[in-house]
């Protein structure tokens, strides 16, 4: 394996000082260790690695389909349902018929209150 490293004047002087103060074997091993650490610290990202930003990593906002904001058509249930919950609810029992379009779903009254409070 061949790697080309470029050292600054200060780094070169530091290596020379290390080599003067130790035995030849120790100085060689210190020199190699120094080069490896320097090389690892200055590695570029591999080609094709996606760049991520902090905003991408901290994106904790839920998907709109997972936000419980719709009234369940079952009158016995008073808690709000998300769009995905309603899809599962309708698919669980085909006798309930087809799921209405998103625009025809009723917004839950708790969701309306929380939106008005903002």
C-alpha atoms as a PDB file:
ATOM      1  CA  UNK A   1       0.000   0.000   0.000  1.00  0.00           C
ATOM      2  CA  UNK A   2       1.390   3.355  -0.970  1.00  0.00           C
ATOM      3  CA  UNK A   3       0.174   6.619   0.470  1.00  0.00           C
ATOM      4  CA  UNK A   4       1.529  10.082  -0.086  1.00  0.00           C
ATOM      5  CA  UNK A   5       1.545  12.312   2.970  1.00  0.00           C
ATOM      6  CA  UNK A   6       2.444  15.953   3.022  1.00  0.00           C
ATOM      7  CA  UNK A   7       3.677  17.329   6.318  1.00  0.00           C
ATOM      8  CA  UNK A   8       3.906  20.934   7.331  1.00  0.00           C
ATOM      9  CA  UNK A   9       7.206  22.370   8.553  1.00  0.00           C
ATOM     10  CA  UNK A  10       6.010  22.218  12.160  1.00  0.00           C
ATOM     11  CA  UNK A  11       5.032  18.569  11.813  1.00  0.00           C
ATOM     12  CA  UNK A  12       8.370  17.713  10.211  1.00  0.00           C
ATOM     13  CA  UNK A  13      10.260  19.442  13.031  1.00  0.00           C
ATOM     14  CA  UNK A  14       8.166  17.542  15.582  1.00  0.00           C
ATOM     15  CA  UNK A  15       9.064  14.215  13.965  1.00  0.00           C
ATOM     16  CA  UNK A  16      12.752  15.132  13.866  1.00  0.00           C
ATOM     17  CA  UNK A  17      12.646  15.962  17.607  1.00  0.00           C
ATOM     18  CA  UNK A  18      10.979  12.633  18.363  1.00  0.00           C
ATOM     19  CA  UNK A  19      13.651  10.777  16.393  1.00  0.00           C
ATOM     20  CA  UNK A  20      16.491  12.576  18.207  1.00  0.00           C
ATOM     21  CA  UNK A  21      15.224  11.759  21.688  1.00  0.00           C
ATOM     22  CA  UNK A  22      14.503   8.034  21.320  1.00  0.00           C
ATOM     23  CA  UNK A  23      16.320   4.901  20.248  1.00  0.00           C
ATOM     24  CA  UNK A  24      16.256   4.005  16.533  1.00  0.00           C
ATOM     25  CA  UNK A  25      13.582   1.323  17.006  1.00  0.00           C
ATOM     26  CA  UNK A  26      11.408   3.572  19.176  1.00  0.00           C
ATOM     27  CA  UNK A  27      11.871   6.523  16.848  1.00  0.00           C
ATOM     28  CA  UNK A  28      10.873   4.449  13.827  1.00  0.00           C
ATOM     29  CA  UNK A  29       7.767   3.111  15.568  1.00  0.00           C
ATOM     30  CA  UNK A  30       6.864   6.640  16.798  1.00  0.00           C
ATOM     31  CA  UNK A  31       7.378   7.966  13.275  1.00  0.00           C
ATOM     32  CA  UNK A  32       5.071   5.295  11.805  1.00  0.00           C
ATOM     33  CA  UNK A  33       2.478   5.872  14.549  1.00  0.00           C
ATOM     34  CA  UNK A  34       2.596   9.607  13.901  1.00  0.00           C
ATOM     35  CA  UNK A  35       2.114   9.094  10.167  1.00  0.00           C
ATOM     36  CA  UNK A  36      -0.812   6.718  10.676  1.00  0.00           C
ATOM     37  CA  UNK A  37      -2.588   9.090  13.055  1.00  0.00           C
ATOM     38  CA  UNK A  38      -1.956  12.015  10.738  1.00  0.00           C
ATOM     39  CA  UNK A  39      -3.216  10.027   7.750  1.00  0.00           C
ATOM     40  CA  UNK A  40      -6.381   8.857   9.549  1.00  0.00           C
ATOM     41  CA  UNK A  41      -7.209  12.373  10.715  1.00  0.00           C
ATOM     42  CA  UNK A  42      -6.971  13.726   7.186  1.00  0.00           C
ATOM     43  CA  UNK A  43      -8.929  11.042   5.376  1.00  0.00           C
ATOM     44  CA  UNK A  44     -11.502  12.284   2.916  1.00  0.00           C
ATOM     45  CA  UNK A  45     -14.907  10.716   2.802  1.00  0.00           C
ATOM     46  CA  UNK A  46     -15.153   7.756   0.469  1.00  0.00           C
ATOM     47  CA  UNK A  47     -16.719   8.402  -2.905  1.00  0.00           C
ATOM     48  CA  UNK A  48     -20.469   8.032  -2.944  1.00  0.00           C
ATOM     49  CA  UNK A  49     -20.984   8.574   0.753  1.00  0.00           C
ATOM     50  CA  UNK A  50     -24.015  10.792   1.182  1.00  0.00           C
ATOM     51  CA  UNK A  51     -23.503  14.054   2.949  1.00  0.00           C
ATOM     52  CA  UNK A  52     -25.819  14.416   5.892  1.00  0.00           C
ATOM     53  CA  UNK A  53     -26.560  17.589   7.687  1.00  0.00           C
ATOM     54  CA  UNK A  54     -27.606  18.018  11.259  1.00  0.00           C
ATOM     55  CA  UNK A  55     -31.045  18.967  10.050  1.00  0.00           C
ATOM     56  CA  UNK A  56     -31.372  15.578   8.334  1.00  0.00           C
ATOM     57  CA  UNK A  57     -30.284  13.715  11.448  1.00  0.00           C
ATOM     58  CA  UNK A  58     -32.549  15.668  13.799  1.00  0.00           C
ATOM     59  CA  UNK A  59     -35.683  15.352  11.699  1.00  0.00           C
ATOM     60  CA  UNK A  60     -38.030  14.011  14.365  1.00  0.00           C
ATOM     61  CA  UNK A  61     -41.188  15.438  12.847  1.00  0.00           C
ATOM     62  CA  UNK A  62     -43.742  12.662  12.372  1.00  0.00           C
ATOM     63  CA  UNK A  63     -45.072  11.806   8.973  1.00  0.00           C
ATOM     64  CA  UNK A  64     -48.410  13.515   8.310  1.00  0.00           C
ATOM     65  CA  UNK A  65     -50.071  10.117   7.943  1.00  0.00           C
ATOM     66  CA  UNK A  66     -49.040   9.215  11.515  1.00  0.00           C
ATOM     67  CA  UNK A  67     -50.512  12.303  13.204  1.00  0.00           C
ATOM     68  CA  UNK A  68     -53.721  11.398  15.088  1.00  0.00           C
ATOM     69  CA  UNK A  69     -56.121  14.018  13.800  1.00  0.00           C
ATOM     70  CA  UNK A  70     -59.139  12.196  12.323  1.00  0.00           C
ATOM     71  CA  UNK A  71     -62.373  11.054  13.940  1.00  0.00           C
ATOM     72  CA  UNK A  72     -62.882   7.306  13.804  1.00  0.00           C
ATOM     73  CA  UNK A  73     -66.202   6.373  12.162  1.00  0.00           C
ATOM     74  CA  UNK A  74     -66.796   3.929  15.040  1.00  0.00           C
ATOM     75  CA  UNK A  75     -68.989   5.881  17.468  1.00  0.00           C
ATOM     76  CA  UNK A  76     -67.699   3.836  20.436  1.00  0.00           C
ATOM     77  CA  UNK A  77     -64.183   5.232  19.975  1.00  0.00           C
ATOM     78  CA  UNK A  78     -63.546   8.803  21.031  1.00  0.00           C
ATOM     79  CA  UNK A  79     -59.776   9.019  20.582  1.00  0.00           C
ATOM     80  CA  UNK A  80     -58.342  10.570  17.415  1.00  0.00           C
ATOM     81  CA  UNK A  81     -56.896   8.296  14.733  1.00  0.00           C
ATOM     82  CA  UNK A  82     -54.136   8.880  12.259  1.00  0.00           C
ATOM     83  CA  UNK A  83     -54.605   8.282   8.552  1.00  0.00           C
ATOM     84  CA  UNK A  84     -52.543   5.093   8.791  1.00  0.00           C
ATOM     85  CA  UNK A  85     -54.660   3.896  11.736  1.00  0.00           C
ATOM     86  CA  UNK A  86     -57.812   4.395   9.703  1.00  0.00           C
ATOM     87  CA  UNK A  87     -56.359   2.479   6.771  1.00  0.00           C
ATOM     88  CA  UNK A  88     -55.674  -0.468   9.091  1.00  0.00           C
ATOM     89  CA  UNK A  89     -59.122  -0.105  10.699  1.00  0.00           C
ATOM     90  CA  UNK A  90     -60.900  -0.309   7.347  1.00  0.00           C
ATOM     91  CA  UNK A  91     -58.690  -3.139   6.065  1.00  0.00           C
ATOM     92  CA  UNK A  92     -59.217  -5.196   9.243  1.00  0.00           C
ATOM     93  CA  UNK A  93     -62.909  -5.682   8.497  1.00  0.00           C
ATOM     94  CA  UNK A  94     -64.040  -5.545   4.854  1.00  0.00           C
ATOM     95  CA  UNK A  95     -67.680  -5.249   5.933  1.00  0.00           C
ATOM     96  CA  UNK A  96     -66.944  -1.638   6.923  1.00  0.00           C
ATOM     97  CA  UNK A  97     -66.713  -0.791   3.263  1.00  0.00           C
ATOM     98  CA  UNK A  98     -64.091   1.222   1.486  1.00  0.00           C
ATOM     99  CA  UNK A  99     -62.144   3.907   3.252  1.00  0.00           C
ATOM    100  CA  UNK A 100     -63.279   7.418   2.313  1.00  0.00           C
ATOM    101  CA  UNK A 101     -60.895   9.778   0.570  1.00  0.00           C
ATOM    102  CA  UNK A 102     -58.658  11.875   2.786  1.00  0.00           C
ATOM    103  CA  UNK A 103     -60.714  14.992   2.035  1.00  0.00           C
ATOM    104  CA  UNK A 104     -63.901  13.272   3.230  1.00  0.00           C
ATOM    105  CA  UNK A 105     -62.468  12.269   6.626  1.00  0.00           C
ATOM    106  CA  UNK A 106     -63.763  14.172   9.654  1.00  0.00           C
ATOM    107  CA  UNK A 107     -61.190  16.092  11.685  1.00  0.00           C
ATOM    108  CA  UNK A 108     -61.305  15.181  15.388  1.00  0.00           C
ATOM    109  CA  UNK A 109     -62.576  17.917  17.711  1.00  0.00           C
ATOM    110  CA  UNK A 110     -59.463  17.674  19.945  1.00  0.00           C
ATOM    111  CA  UNK A 111     -57.278  18.304  16.906  1.00  0.00           C
ATOM    112  CA  UNK A 112     -59.314  21.392  16.009  1.00  0.00           C
ATOM    113  CA  UNK A 113     -58.901  22.753  19.553  1.00  0.00           C
ATOM    114  CA  UNK A 114     -55.149  22.198  19.585  1.00  0.00           C
ATOM    115  CA  UNK A 115     -54.794  23.892  16.189  1.00  0.00           C
ATOM    116  CA  UNK A 116     -56.845  26.886  17.365  1.00  0.00           C
ATOM    117  CA  UNK A 117     -54.742  27.199  20.537  1.00  0.00           C
ATOM    118  CA  UNK A 118     -51.546  27.553  18.493  1.00  0.00           C
END
